[in-house]
PDB file of all heavy atoms in Angstrom:
ATOM      1  N   VAL A   1       0.861  -1.184   0.006  1.00  0.00           N
ATOM      2  CA  VAL A   1      -0.019  -0.002  -0.007  1.00  0.00           C
ATOM      3  C   VAL A   1       0.916   1.228   0.014  1.00  0.00           C
ATOM      4  O   VAL A   1       1.697   1.401   0.903  1.00  0.00           O
ATOM      5  CB  VAL A   1      -0.936   0.014   1.222  1.00  0.00           C
ATOM      6  CG1 VAL A   1      -1.814   1.284   1.189  1.00  0.00           C
ATOM      7  CG2 VAL A   1      -1.775  -1.231   1.302  1.00  0.00           C
ATOM      8  N   ALA A   2       0.784   2.049  -1.028  1.00  0.00           N
ATOM      9  CA  ALA A   2       1.591   3.262  -1.176  1.00  0.00           C
ATOM     10  C   ALA A   2       0.768   4.458  -0.778  1.00  0.00           C
ATOM     11  O   ALA A   2      -0.330   4.667  -1.317  1.00  0.00           O
ATOM     12  CB  ALA A   2       2.107   3.404  -2.609  1.00  0.00           C
ATOM     13  N   VAL A   3       1.245   5.274   0.189  1.00  0.00           N
ATOM     14  CA  VAL A   3       0.484   6.334   0.779  1.00  0.00           C
ATOM     15  C   VAL A   3       1.137   7.671   0.517  1.00  0.00           C
ATOM     16  O   VAL A   3       2.363   7.846   0.776  1.00  0.00           O
ATOM     17  CB  VAL A   3       0.312   6.115   2.294  1.00  0.00           C
ATOM     18  CG1 VAL A   3      -0.617   7.176   2.885  1.00  0.00           C
ATOM     19  CG2 VAL A   3      -0.229   4.720   2.590  1.00  0.00           C
ATOM     20  N   GLY A   4       0.397   8.626   0.042  1.00  0.00           N
ATOM     21  CA  GLY A   4       0.912   9.977  -0.164  1.00  0.00           C
ATOM     22  C   GLY A   4      -0.214  10.959  -0.342  1.00  0.00           C
ATOM     23  O   GLY A   4      -1.376  10.584  -0.575  1.00  0.00           O
ATOM     24  N   SER A   5       0.098  12.237  -0.243  1.00  0.00           N
ATOM     25  CA  SER A   5      -0.892  13.287  -0.478  1.00  0.00           C
ATOM     26  C   SER A   5      -0.268  14.378  -1.295  1.00  0.00           C
ATOM     27  O   SER A   5       0.958  14.549  -1.288  1.00  0.00           O
ATOM     28  CB  SER A   5      -1.442  13.821   0.848  1.00  0.00           C
ATOM     29  OG  SER A   5      -0.381  14.313   1.644  1.00  0.00           O
ATOM     30  N   GLY A   6      -1.088  15.158  -2.026  1.00  0.00           N
ATOM     31  CA  GLY A   6      -0.565  16.218  -2.864  1.00  0.00           C
ATOM     32  C   GLY A   6       0.382  15.643  -3.923  1.00  0.00           C
ATOM     33  O   GLY A   6       0.078  14.633  -4.581  1.00  0.00           O
ATOM     34  N   GLY A   7       1.539  16.257  -4.066  1.00  0.00           N
ATOM     35  CA  GLY A   7       2.521  15.783  -5.051  1.00  0.00           C
ATOM     36  C   GLY A   7       3.038  14.418  -4.710  1.00  0.00           C
ATOM     37  O   GLY A   7       3.391  13.621  -5.597  1.00  0.00           O
ATOM     38  N   SER A   8       3.108  14.085  -3.409  1.00  0.00           N
ATOM     39  CA  SER A   8       3.595  12.767  -3.017  1.00  0.00           C
ATOM     40  C   SER A   8       2.590  11.645  -3.383  1.00  0.00           C
ATOM     41  O   SER A   8       2.967  10.484  -3.406  1.00  0.00           O
ATOM     42  CB  SER A   8       3.872  12.733  -1.508  1.00  0.00           C
ATOM     43  OG  SER A   8       4.991  13.570  -1.206  1.00  0.00           O
ATOM     44  N   LEU A   9       1.371  12.018  -3.655  1.00  0.00           N
ATOM     45  CA  LEU A   9       0.415  11.017  -4.127  1.00  0.00           C
ATOM     46  C   LEU A   9       0.826  10.505  -5.520  1.00  0.00           C
ATOM     47  O   LEU A   9       0.659   9.319  -5.835  1.00  0.00           O
ATOM     48  CB  LEU A   9      -1.004  11.571  -4.181  1.00  0.00           C
ATOM     49  CG  LEU A   9      -2.124  10.563  -4.563  1.00  0.00           C
ATOM     50  CD1 LEU A   9      -2.146   9.399  -3.577  1.00  0.00           C
ATOM     51  CD2 LEU A   9      -3.467  11.266  -4.615  1.00  0.00           C
ATOM     52  N   SER A  10       1.391  11.373  -6.333  1.00  0.00           N
ATOM     53  CA  SER A  10       1.933  10.952  -7.632  1.00  0.00           C
ATOM     54  C   SER A  10       3.096   9.984  -7.425  1.00  0.00           C
ATOM     55  O   SER A  10       3.226   8.998  -8.150  1.00  0.00           O
ATOM     56  CB  SER A  10       2.405  12.165  -8.455  1.00  0.00           C
ATOM     57  OG  SER A  10       1.315  12.979  -8.813  1.00  0.00           O
ATOM     58  N   ALA A  11       3.934  10.273  -6.430  1.00  0.00           N
ATOM     59  CA  ALA A  11       5.024   9.344  -6.098  1.00  0.00           C
ATOM     60  C   ALA A  11       4.481   8.016  -5.643  1.00  0.00           C
ATOM     61  O   ALA A  11       5.046   6.954  -5.957  1.00  0.00           O
ATOM     62  CB  ALA A  11       5.920   9.962  -5.027  1.00  0.00           C
ATOM     63  N   ALA A  12       3.379   8.046  -4.888  1.00  0.00           N
ATOM     64  CA  ALA A  12       2.752   6.794  -4.440  1.00  0.00           C
ATOM     65  C   ALA A  12       2.243   6.005  -5.629  1.00  0.00           C
ATOM     66  O   ALA A  12       2.359   4.780  -5.673  1.00  0.00           O
ATOM     67  CB  ALA A  12       1.642   7.095  -3.448  1.00  0.00           C
ATOM     68  N   HIS A  13       1.620   6.693  -6.587  1.00  0.00           N
ATOM     69  CA  HIS A  13       1.163   6.020  -7.817  1.00  0.00           C
ATOM     70  C   HIS A  13       2.341   5.402  -8.559  1.00  0.00           C
ATOM     71  O   HIS A  13       2.256   4.287  -9.052  1.00  0.00           O
ATOM     72  CB  HIS A  13       0.446   7.025  -8.751  1.00  0.00           C
ATOM     73  CG  HIS A  13      -0.982   7.229  -8.406  1.00  0.00           C
ATOM     74  ND1 HIS A  13      -1.980   6.351  -8.830  1.00  0.00           N
ATOM     75  CD2 HIS A  13      -1.606   8.198  -7.706  1.00  0.00           C
ATOM     76  CE1 HIS A  13      -3.150   6.769  -8.402  1.00  0.00           C
ATOM     77  NE2 HIS A  13      -2.971   7.898  -7.706  1.00  0.00           N
ATOM     78  N   PHE A  14       3.441   6.112  -8.602  1.00  0.00           N
ATOM     79  CA  PHE A  14       4.642   5.603  -9.282  1.00  0.00           C
ATOM     80  C   PHE A  14       5.146   4.355  -8.567  1.00  0.00           C
ATOM     81  O   PHE A  14       5.504   3.373  -9.212  1.00  0.00           O
ATOM     82  CB  PHE A  14       5.730   6.671  -9.329  1.00  0.00           C
ATOM     83  CG  PHE A  14       6.878   6.327 -10.229  1.00  0.00           C
ATOM     84  CD1 PHE A  14       6.903   6.707 -11.557  1.00  0.00           C
ATOM     85  CD2 PHE A  14       7.930   5.573  -9.752  1.00  0.00           C
ATOM     86  CE1 PHE A  14       7.945   6.374 -12.396  1.00  0.00           C
ATOM     87  CE2 PHE A  14       8.986   5.222 -10.562  1.00  0.00           C
ATOM     88  CZ  PHE A  14       8.990   5.610 -11.891  1.00  0.00           C
ATOM     89  N   LEU A  15       5.223   4.408  -7.239  1.00  0.00           N
ATOM     90  CA  LEU A  15       5.674   3.254  -6.472  1.00  0.00           C
ATOM     91  C   LEU A  15       4.774   2.051  -6.715  1.00  0.00           C
ATOM     92  O   LEU A  15       5.260   0.938  -6.923  1.00  0.00           O
ATOM     93  CB  LEU A  15       5.711   3.607  -4.988  1.00  0.00           C
ATOM     94  CG  LEU A  15       5.933   2.458  -4.001  1.00  0.00           C
ATOM     95  CD1 LEU A  15       7.232   1.697  -4.293  1.00  0.00           C
ATOM     96  CD2 LEU A  15       5.902   2.954  -2.560  1.00  0.00           C
ATOM     97  N   ALA A  16       3.465   2.247  -6.643  1.00  0.00           N
ATOM     98  CA  ALA A  16       2.535   1.134  -6.827  1.00  0.00           C
ATOM     99  C   ALA A  16       2.667   0.527  -8.218  1.00  0.00           C
ATOM    100  O   ALA A  16       2.672  -0.711  -8.383  1.00  0.00           O
ATOM    101  CB  ALA A  16       1.091   1.607  -6.602  1.00  0.00           C
ATOM    102  N   GLN A  17       2.799   1.377  -9.242  1.00  0.00           N
ATOM    103  CA  GLN A  17       2.953   0.871 -10.600  1.00  0.00           C
ATOM    104  C   GLN A  17       4.261   0.098 -10.763  1.00  0.00           C
ATOM    105  O   GLN A  17       4.306  -0.960 -11.410  1.00  0.00           O
ATOM    106  CB  GLN A  17       2.922   2.057 -11.588  1.00  0.00           C
ATOM    107  CG  GLN A  17       3.089   1.676 -13.035  1.00  0.00           C
ATOM    108  CD  GLN A  17       2.929   2.857 -13.973  1.00  0.00           C
ATOM    109  OE1 GLN A  17       1.944   3.591 -13.823  1.00  0.00           O
ATOM    110  NE2 GLN A  17       3.836   3.055 -14.877  1.00  0.00           N
ATOM    111  N   THR A  18       5.341   0.636 -10.184  1.00  0.00           N
ATOM    112  CA  THR A  18       6.628  -0.044 -10.266  1.00  0.00           C
ATOM    113  C   THR A  18       6.597  -1.365  -9.502  1.00  0.00           C
ATOM    114  O   THR A  18       7.174  -2.371  -9.960  1.00  0.00           O
ATOM    115  CB  THR A  18       7.730   0.862  -9.683  1.00  0.00           C
ATOM    116  OG1 THR A  18       7.704   2.119 -10.374  1.00  0.00           O
ATOM    117  CG2 THR A  18       9.100   0.227  -9.833  1.00  0.00           C
ATOM    118  N   HIS A  19       5.957  -1.377  -8.351  1.00  0.00           N
ATOM    119  CA  HIS A  19       5.868  -2.611  -7.547  1.00  0.00           C
ATOM    120  C   HIS A  19       5.150  -3.715  -8.347  1.00  0.00           C
ATOM    121  O   HIS A  19       5.568  -4.865  -8.353  1.00  0.00           O
ATOM    122  CB  HIS A  19       5.115  -2.307  -6.256  1.00  0.00           C
ATOM    123  CG  HIS A  19       5.134  -3.430  -5.260  1.00  0.00           C
ATOM    124  ND1 HIS A  19       6.233  -3.751  -4.526  1.00  0.00           N
ATOM    125  CD2 HIS A  19       4.143  -4.290  -4.877  1.00  0.00           C
ATOM    126  CE1 HIS A  19       5.956  -4.781  -3.723  1.00  0.00           C
ATOM    127  NE2 HIS A  19       4.704  -5.140  -3.942  1.00  0.00           N
ATOM    128  N   GLN A  20       4.041  -3.334  -8.970  1.00  0.00           N
ATOM    129  CA  GLN A  20       3.267  -4.336  -9.756  1.00  0.00           C
ATOM    130  C   GLN A  20       4.046  -4.784 -10.968  1.00  0.00           C
ATOM    131  O   GLN A  20       4.042  -5.968 -11.316  1.00  0.00           O
ATOM    132  CB  GLN A  20       1.917  -3.774 -10.128  1.00  0.00           C
ATOM    133  CG  GLN A  20       1.006  -3.540  -8.925  1.00  0.00           C
ATOM    134  CD  GLN A  20      -0.410  -3.244  -9.314  1.00  0.00           C
ATOM    135  OE1 GLN A  20      -1.346  -3.572  -8.606  1.00  0.00           O
ATOM    136  NE2 GLN A  20      -0.645  -2.594 -10.460  1.00  0.00           N
ATOM    137  N   GLY A  21       4.737  -3.853 -11.605  1.00  0.00           N
ATOM    138  CA  GLY A  21       5.428  -4.185 -12.840  1.00  0.00           C
ATOM    139  C   GLY A  21       6.684  -5.007 -12.653  1.00  0.00           C
ATOM    140  O   GLY A  21       6.955  -5.925 -13.414  1.00  0.00           O
ATOM    141  N   LEU A  22       7.480  -4.671 -11.604  1.00  0.00           N
ATOM    142  CA  LEU A  22       8.759  -5.331 -11.429  1.00  0.00           C
ATOM    143  C   LEU A  22       8.736  -6.398 -10.362  1.00  0.00           C
ATOM    144  O   LEU A  22       9.443  -7.409 -10.484  1.00  0.00           O
ATOM    145  CB  LEU A  22       9.825  -4.301 -11.098  1.00  0.00           C
ATOM    146  CG  LEU A  22      10.227  -3.375 -12.283  1.00  0.00           C
ATOM    147  CD1 LEU A  22      11.229  -2.334 -11.830  1.00  0.00           C
ATOM    148  CD2 LEU A  22      10.765  -4.157 -13.446  1.00  0.00           C
ATOM    149  N   ALA A  23       7.953  -6.239  -9.299  1.00  0.00           N
ATOM    150  CA  ALA A  23       7.881  -7.259  -8.253  1.00  0.00           C
ATOM    151  C   ALA A  23       6.785  -8.299  -8.570  1.00  0.00           C
ATOM    152  O   ALA A  23       6.806  -9.380  -7.986  1.00  0.00           O
ATOM    153  CB  ALA A  23       7.627  -6.617  -6.890  1.00  0.00           C
ATOM    154  N   GLY A  24       5.872  -7.936  -9.454  1.00  0.00           N
ATOM    155  CA  GLY A  24       4.814  -8.871  -9.794  1.00  0.00           C
ATOM    156  C   GLY A  24       3.806  -9.081  -8.654  1.00  0.00           C
ATOM    157  O   GLY A  24       3.156 -10.112  -8.574  1.00  0.00           O
ATOM    158  N   GLN A  25       3.691  -8.085  -7.776  1.00  0.00           N
ATOM    159  CA  GLN A  25       2.778  -8.165  -6.609  1.00  0.00           C
ATOM    160  C   GLN A  25       1.733  -7.080  -6.731  1.00  0.00           C
ATOM    161  O   GLN A  25       1.969  -6.007  -7.294  1.00  0.00           O
ATOM    162  CB  GLN A  25       3.565  -7.991  -5.326  1.00  0.00           C
ATOM    163  CG  GLN A  25       4.608  -9.040  -5.064  1.00  0.00           C
ATOM    164  CD  GLN A  25       4.005 -10.391  -4.636  1.00  0.00           C
ATOM    165  OE1 GLN A  25       2.812 -10.455  -4.288  1.00  0.00           O
ATOM    166  NE2 GLN A  25       4.802 -11.423  -4.609  1.00  0.00           N
ATOM    167  N   LEU A  26       0.579  -7.345  -6.111  1.00  0.00           N
ATOM    168  CA  LEU A  26      -0.477  -6.359  -6.124  1.00  0.00           C
ATOM    169  C   LEU A  26      -0.069  -5.140  -5.303  1.00  0.00           C
ATOM    170  O   LEU A  26       0.654  -5.261  -4.297  1.00  0.00           O
ATOM    171  CB  LEU A  26      -1.772  -6.942  -5.566  1.00  0.00           C
ATOM    172  CG  LEU A  26      -2.534  -7.930  -6.436  1.00  0.00           C
ATOM    173  CD1 LEU A  26      -3.689  -8.525  -5.669  1.00  0.00           C
ATOM    174  CD2 LEU A  26      -3.009  -7.264  -7.721  1.00  0.00           C
ATOM    175  N   ALA A  27      -0.525  -3.985  -5.724  1.00  0.00           N
ATOM    176  CA  ALA A  27      -0.284  -2.752  -4.949  1.00  0.00           C
ATOM    177  C   ALA A  27      -1.483  -1.841  -5.109  1.00  0.00           C
ATOM    178  O   ALA A  27      -2.145  -1.875  -6.134  1.00  0.00           O
ATOM    179  CB  ALA A  27       0.988  -2.055  -5.458  1.00  0.00           C
TER     180      ALA A  27
END
């Protein structure tokens, strides 16, 4: 679960997308 607000919410989206793409795990 990636948590952020404001601009850091975009970073959270990036983390979740990267986690799913490279780790192969749900985010």
